[in-house]
Amino acid sequence: MKLATLRTADGTRAARIDEAAGQAVLLEAPDVGALLSAGDLTARASAAGETVALEEVEYAPLVPQPGKILCIGLNYRNHILEMGRDLPEYPTVFAKFADTLIGASDDIRRPVETEELDWECELAIVIGSTVRRADETTAAAAIAGFAVLNDITCRDWQFRTREWLQGKNWEATTPLGPWLVTPDEVGGSRPALAIRTLVDGEVRQEDNTGDLLFDPVALVAYLSTMITLRPGDIIASGTPGGVGHARKPAVYLQPGQRVGTEIDGLGRCDNLVVADGASEAAA
């Protein structure tokens, strides 16, 4: 099953995506987060409703207001090595805020305050049930599905200090979508899916989510140890090698460039980079 949050004339609505029929079926919930929180997902998401042709839909962030966005750094073996780090014993955890999120086709706003805007395609894990101190079985069952997330990062701000948060939390920079895809469609709760980033059509990242050092089940178990995970919470599982900051010389995103982030079976976010900030607008 594929679920999305769409923008409509009356606000956002959760929808079931039927690619074969080329349509979205509107559901009785304002967004996917609310749909998950209501419980009984299979029945609610399978309901009949008004349909919209897929070529006419506009995607909002998959979960517009998640209670938590927990992010993992350095979680693909090849990315850890390209950044000159040792394989970690524990996940590197930081947080993003909901104001960073945009839809799968929205513009990425490049802040005037950065010269080092970078891409990071990630497998997003969407929580479907309340869970605390989960064992492996409970952790797997708590995963409602997966989506694509681009953890756009201001590297010059990220590395101002040892803490990464200030490089990761710029407004309207983080595509999340287009859909939530349930685990049964992608091989279970530990999917091994091709993941890639393209900038102006050129492949910049390419790997497989099976290379994750800490896989989705392990991350749910680990993070739920310290805090309760709730329906609609998002875990960004980390990015593979190929980020602009690690290239020699480094390469960063500029206004006018188009960034595609995609994971096989989960769809694609396709976003134009635009200038954001009074100084650039005046220029």
C-alpha atoms as a PDB file:
ATOM      1  CA  MET A   1       0.000   0.000   0.000  1.00  0.00           C
ATOM      2  CA  LYS A   2       1.153   3.528  -0.811  1.00  0.00           C
ATOM      3  CA  LEU A   3      -0.112   6.506   1.191  1.00  0.00           C
ATOM      4  CA  ALA A   4       0.494  10.209   0.663  1.00  0.00           C
ATOM      5  CA  THR A   5      -0.502  13.619   1.956  1.00  0.00           C
ATOM      6  CA  LEU A   6      -1.904  15.800  -0.826  1.00  0.00           C
ATOM      7  CA  ARG A   7      -2.640  19.507  -1.015  1.00  0.00           C
ATOM      8  CA  THR A   8      -6.238  20.248  -1.986  1.00  0.00           C
ATOM      9  CA  ALA A   9      -8.356  23.384  -2.243  1.00  0.00           C
ATOM     10  CA  ASP A  10      -9.667  22.622   1.248  1.00  0.00           C
ATOM     11  CA  GLY A  11      -6.307  21.882   2.879  1.00  0.00           C
ATOM     12  CA  THR A  12      -4.270  18.705   3.042  1.00  0.00           C
ATOM     13  CA  ARG A  13      -5.762  15.208   2.804  1.00  0.00           C
ATOM     14  CA  ALA A  14      -4.380  11.746   3.260  1.00  0.00           C
ATOM     15  CA  ALA A  15      -4.697   9.606   0.157  1.00  0.00           C
ATOM     16  CA  ARG A  16      -4.101   6.069  -1.056  1.00  0.00           C
ATOM     17  CA  ILE A  17      -2.020   5.962  -4.213  1.00  0.00           C
ATOM     18  CA  ASP A  18      -3.129   3.562  -6.930  1.00  0.00           C
ATOM     19  CA  GLU A  19      -0.418   3.733  -9.573  1.00  0.00           C
ATOM     20  CA  ALA A  20      -1.996   1.028 -11.725  1.00  0.00           C
ATOM     21  CA  ALA A  21      -5.190   3.068 -12.028  1.00  0.00           C
ATOM     22  CA  GLY A  22      -3.303   6.354 -12.228  1.00  0.00           C
ATOM     23  CA  GLN A  23      -5.226   7.895  -9.364  1.00  0.00           C
ATOM     24  CA  ALA A  24      -5.181   8.891  -5.715  1.00  0.00           C
ATOM     25  CA  VAL A  25      -8.105   8.007  -3.446  1.00  0.00           C
ATOM     26  CA  LEU A  26      -8.797  10.687  -0.825  1.00  0.00           C
ATOM     27  CA  LEU A  27      -9.176   9.341   2.717  1.00  0.00           C
ATOM     28  CA  GLU A  28     -10.912  10.636   5.851  1.00  0.00           C
ATOM     29  CA  ALA A  29      -7.825  12.129   7.490  1.00  0.00           C
ATOM     30  CA  PRO A  30      -6.032  15.448   6.984  1.00  0.00           C
ATOM     31  CA  ASP A  31      -2.638  13.801   6.481  1.00  0.00           C
ATOM     32  CA  VAL A  32      -0.733  10.542   6.823  1.00  0.00           C
ATOM     33  CA  GLY A  33       0.344  11.362  10.378  1.00  0.00           C
ATOM     34  CA  ALA A  34      -3.283  11.725  11.471  1.00  0.00           C
ATOM     35  CA  LEU A  35      -4.187   8.540   9.600  1.00  0.00           C
ATOM     36  CA  LEU A  36      -1.519   6.591  11.486  1.00  0.00           C
ATOM     37  CA  SER A  37      -2.521   8.099  14.823  1.00  0.00           C
ATOM     38  CA  ALA A  38      -6.159   7.048  14.323  1.00  0.00           C
ATOM     39  CA  GLY A  39      -5.204   3.348  14.359  1.00  0.00           C
ATOM     40  CA  ASP A  40      -6.637   0.470  12.325  1.00  0.00           C
ATOM     41  CA  LEU A  41      -4.533   1.602   9.385  1.00  0.00           C
ATOM     42  CA  THR A  42      -5.450  -1.176   6.970  1.00  0.00           C
ATOM     43  CA  ALA A  43      -9.194  -0.559   7.228  1.00  0.00           C
ATOM     44  CA  ARG A  44      -8.949   3.241   7.167  1.00  0.00           C
ATOM     45  CA  ALA A  45      -6.490   3.303   4.291  1.00  0.00           C
ATOM     46  CA  SER A  46      -8.529   0.829   2.246  1.00  0.00           C
ATOM     47  CA  ALA A  47     -11.739   2.869   2.354  1.00  0.00           C
ATOM     48  CA  ALA A  48     -13.412   4.168  -0.787  1.00  0.00           C
ATOM     49  CA  GLY A  49     -13.313   7.876  -1.515  1.00  0.00           C
ATOM     50  CA  GLU A  50     -13.134  10.641  -4.073  1.00  0.00           C
ATOM     51  CA  THR A  51     -10.415  10.097  -6.677  1.00  0.00           C
ATOM     52  CA  VAL A  52      -7.885  12.470  -8.222  1.00  0.00           C
ATOM     53  CA  ALA A  53      -5.731  11.747 -11.274  1.00  0.00           C
ATOM     54  CA  LEU A  54      -2.080  11.317 -10.276  1.00  0.00           C
ATOM     55  CA  GLU A  55      -0.916  13.861 -12.840  1.00  0.00           C
ATOM     56  CA  GLU A  56      -3.023  16.474 -11.021  1.00  0.00           C
ATOM     57  CA  VAL A  57      -1.904  15.857  -7.441  1.00  0.00           C
ATOM     58  CA  GLU A  58       0.388  18.109  -5.415  1.00  0.00           C
ATOM     59  CA  TYR A  59       2.315  16.397  -2.640  1.00  0.00           C
ATOM     60  CA  ALA A  60       2.655  17.981   0.779  1.00  0.00           C
ATOM     61  CA  PRO A  61       5.313  16.642   3.164  1.00  0.00           C
ATOM     62  CA  LEU A  62       4.327  13.040   3.856  1.00  0.00           C
ATOM     63  CA  VAL A  63       3.838  13.798   7.575  1.00  0.00           C
ATOM     64  CA  PRO A  64       3.529  17.597   7.826  1.00  0.00           C
ATOM     65  CA  GLN A  65       3.909  17.845  11.613  1.00  0.00           C
ATOM     66  CA  PRO A  66       5.701  14.793  13.009  1.00  0.00           C
ATOM     67  CA  GLY A  67       6.190  14.818  16.746  1.00  0.00           C
ATOM     68  CA  LYS A  68       9.821  13.847  16.226  1.00  0.00           C
ATOM     69  CA  ILE A  69      12.273  13.689  13.347  1.00  0.00           C
ATOM     70  CA  LEU A  70      15.223  11.648  14.578  1.00  0.00           C
ATOM     71  CA  CYS A  71      18.189  11.477  12.236  1.00  0.00           C
ATOM     72  CA  ILE A  72      21.158   9.164  12.014  1.00  0.00           C
ATOM     73  CA  GLY A  73      24.561  10.291  10.815  1.00  0.00           C
ATOM     74  CA  LEU A  74      27.292   8.110   9.316  1.00  0.00           C
ATOM     75  CA  ASN A  75      25.259   4.935   8.852  1.00  0.00           C
ATOM     76  CA  TYR A  76      26.409   3.626   5.452  1.00  0.00           C
ATOM     77  CA  ARG A  77      29.769   1.913   5.566  1.00  0.00           C
ATOM     78  CA  ASN A  78      31.098   3.628   2.428  1.00  0.00           C
ATOM     79  CA  HIS A  79      29.970   7.084   3.598  1.00  0.00           C
ATOM     80  CA  ILE A  80      31.658   6.581   6.980  1.00  0.00           C
ATOM     81  CA  LEU A  81      34.900   5.757   5.204  1.00  0.00           C
ATOM     82  CA  GLU A  82      34.698   8.699   2.767  1.00  0.00           C
ATOM     83  CA  MET A  83      34.228  11.073   5.699  1.00  0.00           C
ATOM     84  CA  GLY A  84      37.385   9.638   7.320  1.00  0.00           C
ATOM     85  CA  ARG A  85      35.642   8.096  10.329  1.00  0.00           C
ATOM     86  CA  ASP A  86      35.819   4.726  12.071  1.00  0.00           C
ATOM     87  CA  LEU A  87      32.769   2.455  12.083  1.00  0.00           C
ATOM     88  CA  PRO A  88      30.782   3.559  15.151  1.00  0.00           C
ATOM     89  CA  GLU A  89      29.699   1.301  17.981  1.00  0.00           C
ATOM     90  CA  TYR A  90      26.463   3.259  18.437  1.00  0.00           C
ATOM     91  CA  PRO A  91      24.309   5.356  16.084  1.00  0.00           C
ATOM     92  CA  THR A  92      25.074   9.062  15.791  1.00  0.00           C
ATOM     93  CA  VAL A  93      21.746  10.756  16.569  1.00  0.00           C
ATOM     94  CA  PHE A  94      20.547  14.299  15.952  1.00  0.00           C
ATOM     95  CA  ALA A  95      17.149  15.910  15.377  1.00  0.00           C
ATOM     96  CA  LYS A  96      15.378  17.970  12.741  1.00  0.00           C
ATOM     97  CA  PHE A  97      12.317  20.178  13.188  1.00  0.00           C
ATOM     98  CA  ALA A  98       9.054  19.995  11.262  1.00  0.00           C
ATOM     99  CA  ASP A  99       9.595  23.475   9.771  1.00  0.00           C
ATOM    100  CA  THR A 100      12.394  22.020   7.639  1.00  0.00           C
ATOM    101  CA  LEU A 101       9.997  19.725   5.729  1.00  0.00           C
ATOM    102  CA  ILE A 102       8.751  20.284   2.184  1.00  0.00           C
ATOM    103  CA  GLY A 103       6.859  18.157  -0.325  1.00  0.00           C
ATOM    104  CA  ALA A 104       8.323  15.866  -2.940  1.00  0.00           C
ATOM    105  CA  SER A 105       8.170  18.509  -5.698  1.00  0.00           C
ATOM    106  CA  ASP A 106       8.536  21.716  -3.665  1.00  0.00           C
ATOM    107  CA  ASP A 107      11.459  24.100  -4.056  1.00  0.00           C
ATOM    108  CA  ILE A 108      14.466  23.722  -1.748  1.00  0.00           C
ATOM    109  CA  ARG A 109      15.226  27.160  -0.329  1.00  0.00           C
ATOM    110  CA  ARG A 110      18.991  27.744  -0.338  1.00  0.00           C
ATOM    111  CA  PRO A 111      19.788  30.122   2.541  1.00  0.00           C
ATOM    112  CA  VAL A 112      21.811  33.218   1.708  1.00  0.00           C
ATOM    113  CA  GLU A 113      23.811  32.484   4.863  1.00  0.00           C
ATOM    114  CA  THR A 114      25.473  29.345   3.469  1.00  0.00           C
ATOM    115  CA  GLU A 115      28.029  28.694   0.735  1.00  0.00           C
ATOM    116  CA  GLU A 116      27.987  24.926   1.285  1.00  0.00           C
ATOM    117  CA  LEU A 117      24.503  23.481   0.655  1.00  0.00           C
ATOM    118  CA  ASP A 118      24.772  19.714   0.277  1.00  0.00           C
ATOM    119  CA  TRP A 119      22.501  16.783  -0.617  1.00  0.00           C
ATOM    120  CA  GLU A 120      21.853  13.606   1.406  1.00  0.00           C
ATOM    121  CA  CYS A 121      19.364  11.030   0.099  1.00  0.00           C
ATOM    122  CA  GLU A 122      17.995   8.886   2.926  1.00  0.00           C
ATOM    123  CA  LEU A 123      15.600   6.056   3.662  1.00  0.00           C
ATOM    124  CA  ALA A 124      12.966   7.503   5.999  1.00  0.00           C
ATOM    125  CA  ILE A 125      11.324   5.141   8.483  1.00  0.00           C
ATOM    126  CA  VAL A 126       7.754   6.084   9.436  1.00  0.00           C
ATOM    127  CA  ILE A 127       6.491   4.895  12.817  1.00  0.00           C
ATOM    128  CA  GLY A 128       2.996   3.411  12.892  1.00  0.00           C
ATOM    129  CA  SER A 129       2.419   2.509  16.555  1.00  0.00           C
ATOM    130  CA  THR A 130       3.444   3.710  19.990  1.00  0.00           C
ATOM    131  CA  VAL A 131       6.503   1.840  21.202  1.00  0.00           C
ATOM    132  CA  ARG A 132       9.008   2.123  24.053  1.00  0.00           C
ATOM    133  CA  ARG A 133      12.027  -0.090  24.749  1.00  0.00           C
ATOM    134  CA  ALA A 134      11.142  -2.269  21.790  1.00  0.00           C
ATOM    135  CA  ASP A 135      12.669  -5.672  21.215  1.00  0.00           C
ATOM    136  CA  GLU A 136      13.378  -6.750  17.651  1.00  0.00           C
ATOM    137  CA  THR A 137       9.898  -8.159  17.008  1.00  0.00           C
ATOM    138  CA  THR A 138       8.113  -5.133  18.445  1.00  0.00           C
ATOM    139  CA  ALA A 139      10.421  -2.737  16.619  1.00  0.00           C
ATOM    140  CA  ALA A 140       9.713  -4.383  13.264  1.00  0.00           C
ATOM    141  CA  ALA A 141       5.958  -4.297  13.909  1.00  0.00           C
ATOM    142  CA  ALA A 142       6.116  -0.566  14.780  1.00  0.00           C
ATOM    143  CA  ILE A 143       7.332   0.385  11.281  1.00  0.00           C
ATOM    144  CA  ALA A 144       4.358   1.583   9.233  1.00  0.00           C
ATOM    145  CA  GLY A 145       6.457   2.034   6.129  1.00  0.00           C
ATOM    146  CA  PHE A 146       9.234   3.859   4.334  1.00  0.00           C
ATOM    147  CA  ALA A 147       9.696   7.011   2.265  1.00  0.00           C
ATOM    148  CA  VAL A 148      12.391   9.160   0.659  1.00  0.00           C
ATOM    149  CA  LEU A 149      13.987  12.036   2.593  1.00  0.00           C
ATOM    150  CA  ASN A 150      16.678  14.471   1.451  1.00  0.00           C
ATOM    151  CA  ASP A 151      18.594  15.710   4.496  1.00  0.00           C
ATOM    152  CA  ILE A 152      19.806  18.930   2.890  1.00  0.00           C
ATOM    153  CA  THR A 153      22.680  20.287   4.975  1.00  0.00           C
ATOM    154  CA  CYS A 154      24.533  23.587   5.314  1.00  0.00           C
ATOM    155  CA  ARG A 155      28.021  22.132   5.809  1.00  0.00           C
ATOM    156  CA  ASP A 156      29.672  25.406   6.834  1.00  0.00           C
ATOM    157  CA  TRP A 157      27.123  25.726   9.645  1.00  0.00           C
ATOM    158  CA  GLN A 158      27.185  22.021  10.509  1.00  0.00           C
ATOM    159  CA  PHE A 159      30.902  22.080  11.263  1.00  0.00           C
ATOM    160  CA  ARG A 160      31.014  25.365  13.141  1.00  0.00           C
ATOM    161  CA  THR A 161      30.857  23.265  16.299  1.00  0.00           C
ATOM    162  CA  ARG A 162      30.940  19.581  17.221  1.00  0.00           C
ATOM    163  CA  GLU A 163      27.117  19.534  17.314  1.00  0.00           C
ATOM    164  CA  TRP A 164      25.429  19.185  13.898  1.00  0.00           C
ATOM    165  CA  LEU A 165      21.956  20.598  14.597  1.00  0.00           C
ATOM    166  CA  GLN A 166      22.597  24.107  13.243  1.00  0.00           C
ATOM    167  CA  GLY A 167      23.614  22.732   9.867  1.00  0.00           C
ATOM    168  CA  LYS A 168      20.569  20.506   9.571  1.00  0.00           C
ATOM    169  CA  ASN A 169      17.620  22.701  10.508  1.00  0.00           C
ATOM    170  CA  TRP A 170      17.152  25.372   7.865  1.00  0.00           C
ATOM    171  CA  GLU A 171      13.572  26.164   6.995  1.00  0.00           C
ATOM    172  CA  ALA A 172      11.963  24.580   3.912  1.00  0.00           C
ATOM    173  CA  THR A 173      14.973  22.512   2.892  1.00  0.00           C
ATOM    174  CA  THR A 174      14.015  18.865   3.535  1.00  0.00           C
ATOM    175  CA  PRO A 175      11.871  16.974   1.009  1.00  0.00           C
ATOM    176  CA  LEU A 176       9.890  14.070   2.502  1.00  0.00           C
ATOM    177  CA  GLY A 177       7.746  11.856   0.292  1.00  0.00           C
ATOM    178  CA  PRO A 178       6.249  11.288  -2.097  1.00  0.00           C
ATOM    179  CA  TRP A 179       4.610   8.295  -0.421  1.00  0.00           C
ATOM    180  CA  LEU A 180       4.703   6.004   2.562  1.00  0.00           C
ATOM    181  CA  VAL A 181       5.164   2.478   1.205  1.00  0.00           C
ATOM    182  CA  THR A 182       4.262  -0.351   3.581  1.00  0.00           C
ATOM    183  CA  PRO A 183       6.955  -2.944   4.372  1.00  0.00           C
ATOM    184  CA  ASP A 184       5.134  -5.778   2.577  1.00  0.00           C
ATOM    185  CA  GLU A 185       5.735  -3.993  -0.750  1.00  0.00           C
ATOM    186  CA  VAL A 186       9.514  -3.645  -0.323  1.00  0.00           C
ATOM    187  CA  GLY A 187      10.599  -6.959   1.164  1.00  0.00           C
ATOM    188  CA  GLY A 188       9.887  -6.365   4.847  1.00  0.00           C
ATOM    189  CA  SER A 189      11.182  -4.173   7.647  1.00  0.00           C
ATOM    190  CA  ARG A 190      14.834  -4.409   6.517  1.00  0.00           C
ATOM    191  CA  PRO A 191      14.541  -3.480   2.821  1.00  0.00           C
ATOM    192  CA  ALA A 192      17.528  -3.715   0.491  1.00  0.00           C
ATOM    193  CA  LEU A 193      16.685  -1.086  -2.122  1.00  0.00           C
ATOM    194  CA  ALA A 194      18.769   0.884  -4.598  1.00  0.00           C
ATOM    195  CA  ILE A 195      19.153   4.509  -3.423  1.00  0.00           C
ATOM    196  CA  ARG A 196      20.525   7.415  -5.446  1.00  0.00           C
ATOM    197  CA  THR A 197      20.818  11.184  -5.816  1.00  0.00           C
ATOM    198  CA  LEU A 198      20.962  13.027  -9.133  1.00  0.00           C
ATOM    199  CA  VAL A 199      21.887  16.690  -9.558  1.00  0.00           C
ATOM    200  CA  ASP A 200      20.828  18.093 -12.922  1.00  0.00           C
ATOM    201  CA  GLY A 201      20.488  14.505 -14.110  1.00  0.00           C
ATOM    202  CA  GLU A 202      24.006  13.432 -13.041  1.00  0.00           C
ATOM    203  CA  VAL A 203      24.232  10.600 -10.497  1.00  0.00           C
ATOM    204  CA  ARG A 204      26.000  11.847  -7.338  1.00  0.00           C
ATOM    205  CA  GLN A 205      25.049   9.108  -4.843  1.00  0.00           C
ATOM    206  CA  GLU A 206      24.286   5.458  -5.524  1.00  0.00           C
ATOM    207  CA  ASP A 207      24.127   2.592  -3.049  1.00  0.00           C
ATOM    208  CA  ASN A 208      21.723   0.093  -1.505  1.00  0.00           C
ATOM    209  CA  THR A 209      19.855   0.421   1.796  1.00  0.00           C
ATOM    210  CA  GLY A 210      21.076  -3.077   2.641  1.00  0.00           C
ATOM    211  CA  ASP A 211      24.458  -1.401   3.376  1.00  0.00           C
ATOM    212  CA  LEU A 212      23.072   0.379   6.449  1.00  0.00           C
ATOM    213  CA  LEU A 213      25.241  -0.293   9.481  1.00  0.00           C
ATOM    214  CA  PHE A 214      22.245   0.110  11.817  1.00  0.00           C
ATOM    215  CA  ASP A 215      19.161  -1.108   9.942  1.00  0.00           C
ATOM    216  CA  PRO A 216      15.576   0.164  10.438  1.00  0.00           C
ATOM    217  CA  VAL A 217      14.656  -2.437  13.056  1.00  0.00           C
ATOM    218  CA  ALA A 218      17.832  -1.769  15.028  1.00  0.00           C
ATOM    219  CA  LEU A 219      17.201   1.986  14.897  1.00  0.00           C
ATOM    220  CA  VAL A 220      13.628   1.679  16.173  1.00  0.00           C
ATOM    221  CA  ALA A 221      14.826  -0.539  19.022  1.00  0.00           C
ATOM    222  CA  TYR A 222      17.696   1.807  19.885  1.00  0.00           C
ATOM    223  CA  LEU A 223      15.784   5.088  19.723  1.00  0.00           C
ATOM    224  CA  SER A 224      12.732   3.723  21.530  1.00  0.00           C
ATOM    225  CA  THR A 225      15.019   2.856  24.426  1.00  0.00           C
ATOM    226  CA  MET A 226      15.515   6.533  25.212  1.00  0.00           C
ATOM    227  CA  ILE A 227      12.130   7.966  24.194  1.00  0.00           C
ATOM    228  CA  THR A 228       8.663   6.781  23.234  1.00  0.00           C
ATOM    229  CA  LEU A 229       8.158   6.623  19.482  1.00  0.00           C
ATOM    230  CA  ARG A 230       4.652   7.513  18.310  1.00  0.00           C
ATOM    231  CA  PRO A 231       2.644   7.216  15.086  1.00  0.00           C
ATOM    232  CA  GLY A 232       3.921   9.648  12.485  1.00  0.00           C
ATOM    233  CA  ASP A 233       7.394  10.022  13.974  1.00  0.00           C
ATOM    234  CA  ILE A 234      10.136   9.933  11.339  1.00  0.00           C
ATOM    235  CA  ILE A 235      13.574   8.343  11.505  1.00  0.00           C
ATOM    236  CA  ALA A 236      16.016   9.444   8.792  1.00  0.00           C
ATOM    237  CA  SER A 237      18.395   6.502   8.594  1.00  0.00           C
ATOM    238  CA  GLY A 238      21.506   8.177   7.163  1.00  0.00           C
ATOM    239  CA  THR A 239      22.994   8.807   3.736  1.00  0.00           C
ATOM    240  CA  PRO A 240      25.360   6.817   1.515  1.00  0.00           C
ATOM    241  CA  GLY A 241      28.636   8.012   0.041  1.00  0.00           C
ATOM    242  CA  GLY A 242      28.787  10.648  -2.669  1.00  0.00           C
ATOM    243  CA  VAL A 243      27.888  13.823  -0.788  1.00  0.00           C
ATOM    244  CA  GLY A 244      29.252  17.049  -2.231  1.00  0.00           C
ATOM    245  CA  HIS A 245      31.293  17.901   0.866  1.00  0.00           C
ATOM    246  CA  ALA A 246      33.427  14.762   0.482  1.00  0.00           C
ATOM    247  CA  ARG A 247      34.377  15.439  -3.148  1.00  0.00           C
ATOM    248  CA  LYS A 248      37.769  16.871  -4.025  1.00  0.00           C
ATOM    249  CA  PRO A 249      37.228  19.649  -4.692  1.00  0.00           C
ATOM    250  CA  ALA A 250      33.959  19.891  -2.773  1.00  0.00           C
ATOM    251  CA  VAL A 251      30.797  20.590  -4.788  1.00  0.00           C
ATOM    252  CA  TYR A 252      27.693  22.300  -3.429  1.00  0.00           C
ATOM    253  CA  LEU A 253      24.191  23.088  -4.645  1.00  0.00           C
ATOM    254  CA  GLN A 254      23.438  26.401  -6.350  1.00  0.00           C
ATOM    255  CA  PRO A 255      20.137  28.131  -7.177  1.00  0.00           C
ATOM    256  CA  GLY A 256      18.703  26.818 -10.416  1.00  0.00           C
ATOM    257  CA  GLN A 257      19.946  23.268  -9.953  1.00  0.00           C
ATOM    258  CA  ARG A 258      17.515  20.371  -9.706  1.00  0.00           C
ATOM    259  CA  VAL A 259      18.010  17.601  -7.171  1.00  0.00           C
ATOM    260  CA  GLY A 260      16.413  14.181  -7.556  1.00  0.00           C
ATOM    261  CA  THR A 261      16.490  11.749  -4.655  1.00  0.00           C
ATOM    262  CA  GLU A 262      15.031   8.303  -5.241  1.00  0.00           C
ATOM    263  CA  ILE A 263      14.794   4.842  -3.738  1.00  0.00           C
ATOM    264  CA  ASP A 264      13.577   1.924  -5.817  1.00  0.00           C
ATOM    265  CA  GLY A 265      10.005   1.057  -4.863  1.00  0.00           C
ATOM    266  CA  LEU A 266       9.556   4.233  -2.791  1.00  0.00           C
ATOM    267  CA  GLY A 267       9.362   6.886  -5.471  1.00  0.00           C
ATOM    268  CA  ARG A 268      11.270  10.094  -6.061  1.00  0.00           C
ATOM    269  CA  CYS A 269      11.589  13.605  -4.711  1.00  0.00           C
ATOM    270  CA  ASP A 270      12.428  16.102  -7.469  1.00  0.00           C
ATOM    271  CA  ASN A 271      13.232  19.591  -6.211  1.00  0.00           C
ATOM    272  CA  LEU A 272      14.491  22.850  -7.681  1.00  0.00           C
ATOM    273  CA  VAL A 273      17.001  24.813  -5.587  1.00  0.00           C
ATOM    274  CA  VAL A 274      15.986  28.478  -5.244  1.00  0.00           C
ATOM    275  CA  ALA A 275      17.608  31.420  -3.492  1.00  0.00           C
ATOM    276  CA  ASP A 276      16.166  32.261  -0.089  1.00  0.00           C
ATOM    277  CA  GLY A 277      17.040  35.352   1.940  1.00  0.00           C
ATOM    278  CA  ALA A 278      16.706  39.125   1.654  1.00  0.00           C
ATOM    279  CA  SER A 279      20.269  39.745   0.483  1.00  0.00           C
ATOM    280  CA  GLU A 280      20.105  37.277  -2.422  1.00  0.00           C
ATOM    281  CA  ALA A 281      16.584  38.402  -3.369  1.00  0.00           C
ATOM    282  CA  ALA A 282      17.815  42.011  -3.608  1.00  0.00           C
ATOM    283  CA  ALA A 283      20.776  40.947  -5.718  1.00  0.00           C
END
